[in-house]
Amino acid sequence: MRRYLNTLFVQTEGAWLRKDGTNLVVEVDGVEKGRVPAHLLGGLVCLGRVGVSPPLLAHCCESGVTVTFLSEQGRFLARVEGPVAGNVLLRKEQYRRSDDLTATAALVRSFVLAKTLNQRAVLRRALRDHGDGMAEEARAAVEAAERRLTDIARRAEKDQGADALRGLEGEAAAAYFAVFDHLIRADEPLFRFRGRSRRPPLDPVNALLSFLYTLLTHDCRSALETFGLDPAIGFLHRDRPGRPSLALDLLEEFRPVLADRLALSLVNRRQLAAGDFRRLENGAVLLTEEARKTLLVAFQERKKEELLHPYLQEKAPMGLMPQLQAQLLARHLRGELDAYPPFVWR
């Protein structure tokens, strides 16, 4: 089993990161604020105006530590990474499969099934833990959505083409987010959820979801590159210049479990309040610096939680699951596995 490495998030304005021996040092205004052994890092994420010294960048590239730069709002800006890893034959097979309609449909089915079943699991968990406290109408709506997701999963299991499966994925997302507001137990009107809004997020819950999805995309992309796969060539998500389609494919398996449930926990446990968000003139809602810190700490803690991998039947930290799935996908493309076993949370 691979060792889970930490991702270091730095969001202090004006912070400067440098290498000192085997340590990564964080300085602000020339004063050392902390240091981390570099060998414990699997990734480095800089939010906002954060600088990185050339020697540290070189060390990260040589050690396989991806450095990602995001805006204060979590928008992707750039990545710095070392030479492309992996067997070129694996990537050539990935490209061939992406052009094969039958092979593409099989992988799209796996991604759609995992996402749908994990969305259903989120609804079931909410009904089990808090169903008695829901209003009768809300509980009925969540139960109906749970049944609809079950039906969509059954239809996805049948032999259908990739386009039909993509349609089922959209249907499942619509059913799931239509009742997402019923999973929010906070009384604060600001946290009401009226549907997904992405660019920009128009309410606090969407701001949380979008920020978490950005962090998860970083993890999925790094996992794919670790095992020699091209994150730009996907199956569920069609190829588009500048889009990490395969990373977004892998992301779908983890959205409900790692992002959606964490966003709900932060709101329902009152770890975030109205003052943790600010609204821009264009209507966009963003997290404050303190709110981002709260979210990042909670995200890292959630990734440390262990669970049993459904296919490997071994316990591993949640943060290692994208790595394990990327490895299984690479094994499938190499012909070692007849099918790709998606991550289904139980």
Protein backbone atom coordinates (compact mmCIF):
# COMPACT_ATOMS: atom_id res chain seq x y z
CA MET A 1 0.00 0.00 0.00
CA ARG A 2 1.32 3.44 -0.91
CA ARG A 3 2.05 5.97 1.84
CA TYR A 4 -0.25 8.96 2.00
CA LEU A 5 1.72 12.20 1.62
CA ASN A 6 0.44 15.59 2.75
CA THR A 7 -0.44 18.53 0.55
CA LEU A 8 0.80 21.85 1.93
CA PHE A 9 -1.58 24.78 1.36
CA VAL A 10 -0.16 28.31 1.73
CA GLN A 11 -2.53 31.27 1.51
CA THR A 12 -0.85 34.05 3.54
CA GLU A 13 -0.41 37.12 1.34
CA GLY A 14 3.25 37.87 0.70
CA ALA A 15 4.49 34.49 1.96
CA TRP A 16 7.82 33.31 0.56
CA LEU A 17 8.67 29.60 0.34
CA ARG A 18 12.25 28.44 0.18
CA LYS A 19 14.34 25.32 0.61
CA ASP A 20 16.64 24.93 3.62
CA GLY A 21 18.46 21.60 3.52
CA THR A 22 15.74 18.94 3.47
CA ASN A 23 13.04 21.33 4.73
CA LEU A 24 10.54 23.63 3.10
CA VAL A 25 10.51 26.94 4.97
CA VAL A 26 7.63 29.45 4.99
CA GLU A 27 8.59 33.09 5.60
CA VAL A 28 6.45 36.22 5.87
CA ASP A 29 8.20 39.60 5.84
CA GLY A 30 11.52 37.83 6.42
CA VAL A 31 10.27 36.05 9.55
CA GLU A 32 10.12 32.25 9.56
CA LYS A 33 6.58 31.05 10.23
CA GLY A 34 7.09 27.33 9.82
CA ARG A 35 9.03 24.53 8.19
CA VAL A 36 8.03 21.12 6.84
CA PRO A 37 10.23 18.12 5.95
CA ALA A 38 10.12 18.07 2.15
CA HIS A 39 10.02 14.27 1.96
CA LEU A 40 6.58 14.27 3.62
CA LEU A 41 5.02 16.39 0.87
CA GLY A 42 3.01 15.03 -2.01
CA GLY A 43 1.90 18.42 -3.29
CA LEU A 44 2.22 22.16 -2.74
CA VAL A 45 -0.70 24.54 -3.37
CA CYS A 46 -0.19 28.32 -3.29
CA LEU A 47 -3.29 30.53 -3.04
CA GLY A 48 -3.02 34.20 -3.89
CA ARG A 49 0.20 36.21 -3.73
CA VAL A 50 2.64 33.51 -2.60
CA GLY A 51 6.21 33.24 -3.93
CA VAL A 52 8.38 30.14 -4.34
CA SER A 53 12.17 30.21 -4.69
CA PRO A 54 13.79 28.62 -7.79
CA PRO A 55 15.78 26.09 -5.69
CA LEU A 56 12.57 24.92 -4.03
CA LEU A 57 10.81 24.65 -7.40
CA ALA A 58 13.73 22.60 -8.73
CA HIS A 59 13.62 20.29 -5.71
CA CYS A 60 9.86 19.79 -6.10
CA CYS A 61 10.24 18.96 -9.79
CA GLU A 62 13.02 16.47 -9.07
CA SER A 63 11.05 14.86 -6.23
CA GLY A 64 7.75 14.57 -8.08
CA VAL A 65 6.00 17.20 -5.93
CA THR A 66 3.55 19.17 -8.04
CA VAL A 67 3.35 22.90 -7.29
CA THR A 68 -0.03 24.46 -8.11
CA PHE A 69 -0.87 28.15 -8.11
CA LEU A 70 -4.47 29.21 -7.48
CA SER A 71 -6.08 32.62 -7.17
CA GLU A 72 -7.48 33.71 -3.80
CA GLN A 73 -10.84 32.39 -4.95
CA GLY A 74 -9.45 28.96 -5.84
CA ARG A 75 -9.30 29.51 -9.61
CA PHE A 76 -6.54 27.51 -11.26
CA LEU A 77 -3.65 29.62 -12.55
CA ALA A 78 -0.67 27.36 -13.26
CA ARG A 79 1.18 24.18 -12.33
CA VAL A 80 4.89 23.46 -12.11
CA GLU A 81 5.97 19.84 -12.39
CA GLY A 82 8.94 17.75 -13.45
CA PRO A 83 9.37 15.49 -16.49
CA VAL A 84 6.36 13.43 -17.57
CA ALA A 85 6.44 10.05 -15.85
CA GLY A 86 5.19 6.69 -17.00
CA ASN A 87 5.48 4.33 -19.91
CA VAL A 88 4.74 5.95 -23.27
CA LEU A 89 3.00 2.72 -24.30
CA LEU A 90 0.43 3.26 -21.54
CA ARG A 91 -0.41 6.73 -22.84
CA LYS A 92 -0.65 5.44 -26.40
CA GLU A 93 -3.14 2.83 -25.21
CA GLN A 94 -5.08 5.56 -23.37
CA TYR A 95 -5.31 7.53 -26.62
CA ARG A 96 -6.45 4.46 -28.55
CA ARG A 97 -9.17 3.69 -26.00
CA SER A 98 -10.41 7.26 -26.10
CA ASP A 99 -11.04 6.85 -29.86
CA ASP A 100 -12.71 3.45 -29.40
CA LEU A 101 -16.47 3.94 -28.88
CA THR A 102 -16.95 0.60 -27.11
CA ALA A 103 -13.99 1.07 -24.77
CA THR A 104 -15.04 4.65 -24.06
CA ALA A 105 -18.59 3.60 -23.19
CA ALA A 106 -17.31 0.97 -20.75
CA LEU A 107 -15.23 3.53 -18.86
CA VAL A 108 -17.96 6.19 -18.97
CA ARG A 109 -20.32 3.61 -17.44
CA SER A 110 -17.93 3.06 -14.54
CA PHE A 111 -17.55 6.78 -13.83
CA VAL A 112 -21.30 7.44 -14.08
CA LEU A 113 -22.19 4.47 -11.88
CA ALA A 114 -19.72 5.52 -9.20
CA LYS A 115 -20.92 9.12 -9.16
CA THR A 116 -24.60 8.15 -9.09
CA LEU A 117 -24.20 5.54 -6.37
CA ASN A 118 -22.06 7.88 -4.25
CA GLN A 119 -24.67 10.64 -4.61
CA ARG A 120 -27.29 8.13 -3.53
CA ALA A 121 -25.11 7.19 -0.54
CA VAL A 122 -24.98 10.84 0.56
CA LEU A 123 -28.79 11.01 0.48
CA ARG A 124 -29.13 7.71 2.31
CA ARG A 125 -26.70 8.82 5.00
CA ALA A 126 -28.66 12.04 5.48
CA LEU A 127 -31.94 10.13 5.76
CA ARG A 128 -30.45 7.67 8.21
CA ASP A 129 -28.81 10.26 10.46
CA HIS A 130 -31.21 13.20 10.23
CA GLY A 131 -34.32 11.98 8.44
CA ASP A 132 -36.45 12.16 11.58
CA GLY A 133 -35.66 15.87 11.92
CA MET A 134 -36.62 16.73 8.34
CA ALA A 135 -39.95 18.24 7.46
CA GLU A 136 -42.31 15.65 5.99
CA GLU A 137 -42.22 17.25 2.54
CA ALA A 138 -38.43 17.49 2.56
CA ARG A 139 -38.00 13.88 3.63
CA ALA A 140 -40.37 12.71 0.91
CA ALA A 141 -38.42 14.69 -1.70
CA VAL A 142 -35.08 13.21 -0.59
CA GLU A 143 -36.53 9.70 -0.59
CA ALA A 144 -37.90 10.23 -4.10
CA ALA A 145 -34.50 11.47 -5.28
CA GLU A 146 -32.83 8.44 -3.72
CA ARG A 147 -35.18 6.13 -5.64
CA ARG A 148 -34.57 8.05 -8.86
CA LEU A 149 -30.80 7.71 -8.45
CA THR A 150 -31.25 3.99 -7.93
CA ASP A 151 -33.23 3.79 -11.17
CA ILE A 152 -30.59 5.82 -13.04
CA ALA A 153 -27.84 3.48 -11.78
CA ARG A 154 -29.80 0.47 -13.00
CA ARG A 155 -30.22 2.03 -16.42
CA ALA A 156 -26.52 2.89 -16.56
CA GLU A 157 -25.61 -0.75 -15.96
CA LYS A 158 -27.28 -1.73 -19.24
CA ASP A 159 -25.38 -1.73 -22.52
CA GLN A 160 -25.64 1.91 -23.60
CA GLY A 161 -23.44 4.20 -25.62
CA ALA A 162 -21.28 6.94 -24.15
CA ASP A 163 -23.65 9.78 -25.11
CA ALA A 164 -26.63 8.05 -23.47
CA LEU A 165 -24.57 7.49 -20.33
CA ARG A 166 -23.55 11.15 -20.28
CA GLY A 167 -27.24 12.00 -20.40
CA LEU A 168 -27.86 9.77 -17.38
CA GLU A 169 -25.05 11.52 -15.52
CA GLY A 170 -26.75 14.86 -16.13
CA GLU A 171 -30.10 13.42 -15.02
CA ALA A 172 -28.56 12.11 -11.81
CA ALA A 173 -26.91 15.46 -11.06
CA ALA A 174 -30.23 17.27 -11.56
CA ALA A 175 -32.05 14.89 -9.20
CA TYR A 176 -29.32 15.10 -6.57
CA PHE A 177 -28.92 18.87 -6.47
CA ALA A 178 -32.68 19.40 -6.58
CA VAL A 179 -32.83 18.10 -2.99
CA PHE A 180 -29.40 19.23 -1.78
CA ASP A 181 -30.94 22.13 0.13
CA HIS A 182 -32.89 19.64 2.27
CA LEU A 183 -29.59 18.25 3.55
CA ILE A 184 -28.62 21.65 5.00
CA ARG A 185 -29.73 21.91 8.63
CA ALA A 186 -28.39 25.40 9.36
CA ASP A 187 -31.11 27.99 9.96
CA GLU A 188 -29.12 30.86 8.43
CA PRO A 189 -31.02 32.01 5.28
CA LEU A 190 -27.69 32.78 3.61
CA PHE A 191 -26.97 29.05 3.36
CA ARG A 192 -30.05 28.17 1.33
CA PHE A 193 -29.13 26.30 -1.85
CA ARG A 194 -31.14 27.04 -5.01
CA GLY A 195 -29.07 25.07 -7.50
CA ARG A 196 -25.52 24.83 -8.84
CA SER A 197 -23.84 28.03 -9.99
CA ARG A 198 -20.24 27.72 -11.07
CA ARG A 199 -18.59 30.67 -12.81
CA PRO A 200 -18.99 32.51 -10.56
CA PRO A 201 -20.58 30.81 -7.52
CA LEU A 202 -23.54 32.92 -6.46
CA ASP A 203 -24.07 31.75 -2.88
CA PRO A 204 -21.96 30.42 0.01
CA VAL A 205 -22.74 26.73 -0.54
CA ASN A 206 -21.75 26.96 -4.20
CA ALA A 207 -18.60 28.83 -3.17
CA LEU A 208 -17.72 25.94 -0.85
CA LEU A 209 -18.45 23.30 -3.49
CA SER A 210 -16.48 25.06 -6.21
CA PHE A 211 -13.45 25.57 -3.98
CA LEU A 212 -13.48 21.93 -2.84
CA TYR A 213 -13.88 20.68 -6.42
CA THR A 214 -10.80 22.71 -7.40
CA LEU A 215 -8.76 21.12 -4.62
CA LEU A 216 -9.96 17.64 -5.56
CA THR A 217 -9.16 18.21 -9.23
CA HIS A 218 -5.59 18.99 -8.19
CA ASP A 219 -5.39 15.68 -6.30
CA CYS A 220 -6.91 13.68 -9.17
CA ARG A 221 -4.62 15.22 -11.75
CA SER A 222 -1.54 14.54 -9.63
CA ALA A 223 -2.66 10.94 -9.07
CA LEU A 224 -3.08 10.30 -12.80
CA GLU A 225 0.31 11.79 -13.61
CA THR A 226 1.91 9.67 -10.88
CA PHE A 227 0.91 6.52 -12.75
CA GLY A 228 1.83 7.80 -16.19
CA LEU A 229 -1.64 8.72 -17.49
CA ASP A 230 -2.43 11.85 -19.49
CA PRO A 231 -4.91 13.91 -17.43
CA ALA A 232 -6.06 15.78 -20.56
CA ILE A 233 -7.46 12.76 -22.44
CA GLY A 234 -10.73 11.71 -20.85
CA PHE A 235 -13.71 9.49 -21.51
CA LEU A 236 -16.76 10.90 -19.70
CA HIS A 237 -15.58 14.46 -20.33
CA ARG A 238 -14.84 15.15 -23.96
CA ASP A 239 -11.43 16.53 -24.90
CA ARG A 240 -11.18 20.31 -24.85
CA PRO A 241 -8.05 22.49 -25.06
CA GLY A 242 -6.81 23.36 -21.59
CA ARG A 243 -9.20 21.03 -19.76
CA PRO A 244 -7.90 18.08 -17.70
CA SER A 245 -10.71 15.80 -18.91
CA LEU A 246 -9.46 12.56 -17.34
CA ALA A 247 -8.86 14.32 -14.01
CA LEU A 248 -12.48 15.52 -14.17
CA ASP A 249 -13.60 11.95 -14.94
CA LEU A 250 -11.85 10.69 -11.82
CA LEU A 251 -13.15 13.65 -9.84
CA GLU A 252 -16.75 12.54 -10.42
CA GLU A 253 -16.22 9.50 -8.21
CA PHE A 254 -15.13 11.65 -5.27
CA ARG A 255 -17.31 14.77 -5.52
CA PRO A 256 -20.14 13.43 -3.29
CA VAL A 257 -17.90 11.78 -0.71
CA LEU A 258 -15.00 14.17 -0.24
CA ALA A 259 -16.46 17.52 -1.32
CA ASP A 260 -20.24 17.54 -0.91
CA ARG A 261 -20.29 15.85 2.49
CA LEU A 262 -17.50 18.09 3.78
CA ALA A 263 -19.35 21.23 2.61
CA LEU A 264 -22.48 20.01 4.38
CA SER A 265 -20.54 19.26 7.56
CA LEU A 266 -18.94 22.70 7.67
CA VAL A 267 -22.32 24.38 7.32
CA ASN A 268 -24.38 22.05 9.51
CA ARG A 269 -21.84 22.09 12.34
CA ARG A 270 -21.71 25.90 12.25
CA GLN A 271 -17.98 25.87 11.51
CA LEU A 272 -18.69 28.59 8.95
CA ALA A 273 -21.02 31.56 9.35
CA ALA A 274 -22.33 34.43 7.24
CA GLY A 275 -19.27 36.52 8.05
CA ASP A 276 -17.00 33.97 6.40
CA PHE A 277 -18.15 35.00 2.92
CA ARG A 278 -18.03 38.19 0.89
CA ARG A 279 -19.98 39.20 -2.18
CA LEU A 280 -18.44 41.03 -5.14
CA GLU A 281 -20.15 43.58 -7.36
CA ASN A 282 -20.76 40.96 -10.06
CA GLY A 283 -22.66 38.79 -7.58
CA ALA A 284 -19.88 36.27 -7.01
CA VAL A 285 -19.61 34.92 -3.46
CA LEU A 286 -16.11 34.16 -2.15
CA LEU A 287 -14.65 32.75 1.05
CA THR A 288 -12.65 35.02 3.32
CA GLU A 289 -9.04 34.14 4.16
CA GLU A 290 -10.05 32.76 7.55
CA ALA A 291 -12.83 30.70 5.98
CA ARG A 292 -10.39 29.22 3.48
CA LYS A 293 -8.12 28.27 6.35
CA THR A 294 -11.00 26.54 8.14
CA LEU A 295 -11.94 24.70 4.97
CA LEU A 296 -8.36 23.62 4.19
CA VAL A 297 -7.81 22.26 7.69
CA ALA A 298 -11.09 20.33 7.53
CA PHE A 299 -10.24 19.05 4.04
CA GLN A 300 -6.87 17.72 5.19
CA GLU A 301 -8.42 16.09 8.25
CA ARG A 302 -11.11 14.43 6.13
CA LYS A 303 -8.45 13.03 3.80
CA LYS A 304 -6.75 11.36 6.78
CA GLU A 305 -9.85 9.33 7.65
CA GLU A 306 -9.43 5.67 6.82
CA LEU A 307 -11.94 3.49 5.05
CA LEU A 308 -12.00 0.11 3.34
CA HIS A 309 -11.31 0.27 -0.39
CA PRO A 310 -14.27 -1.52 -2.06
CA TYR A 311 -12.15 -3.39 -4.61
CA LEU A 312 -8.76 -3.88 -2.95
CA GLN A 313 -10.36 -4.70 0.42
CA GLU A 314 -7.62 -2.84 2.25
CA LYS A 315 -7.94 0.12 4.59
CA ALA A 316 -6.37 3.36 3.40
CA PRO A 317 -6.72 7.11 4.09
CA MET A 318 -9.41 8.84 2.06
CA GLY A 319 -6.76 11.13 0.57
CA LEU A 320 -5.04 8.12 -0.98
CA MET A 321 -8.15 6.94 -2.84
CA PRO A 322 -7.52 9.01 -6.02
CA GLN A 323 -4.05 7.47 -6.20
CA LEU A 324 -5.45 3.97 -5.86
CA GLN A 325 -8.10 4.62 -8.50
CA ALA A 326 -5.52 6.05 -10.90
CA GLN A 327 -3.43 2.92 -10.39
CA LEU A 328 -6.44 0.67 -11.10
CA LEU A 329 -7.24 2.67 -14.23
CA ALA A 330 -3.66 2.29 -15.45
CA ARG A 331 -3.80 -1.47 -14.79
CA HIS A 332 -7.03 -1.72 -16.77
CA LEU A 333 -5.57 0.17 -19.73
CA ARG A 334 -2.51 -2.11 -19.65
CA GLY A 335 -4.80 -5.14 -19.86
CA GLU A 336 -4.17 -6.39 -16.31
CA LEU A 337 -7.84 -5.88 -15.32
CA ASP A 338 -10.78 -6.76 -17.55
CA ALA A 339 -12.71 -3.70 -16.35
CA TYR A 340 -12.05 -0.56 -14.36
CA PRO A 341 -13.46 -0.95 -10.80
CA PRO A 342 -14.77 2.49 -9.77
CA PHE A 343 -14.74 3.84 -6.23
CA VAL A 344 -18.14 3.29 -4.61
CA TRP A 345 -18.53 4.57 -1.07
CA ARG A 346 -20.37 2.36 1.39
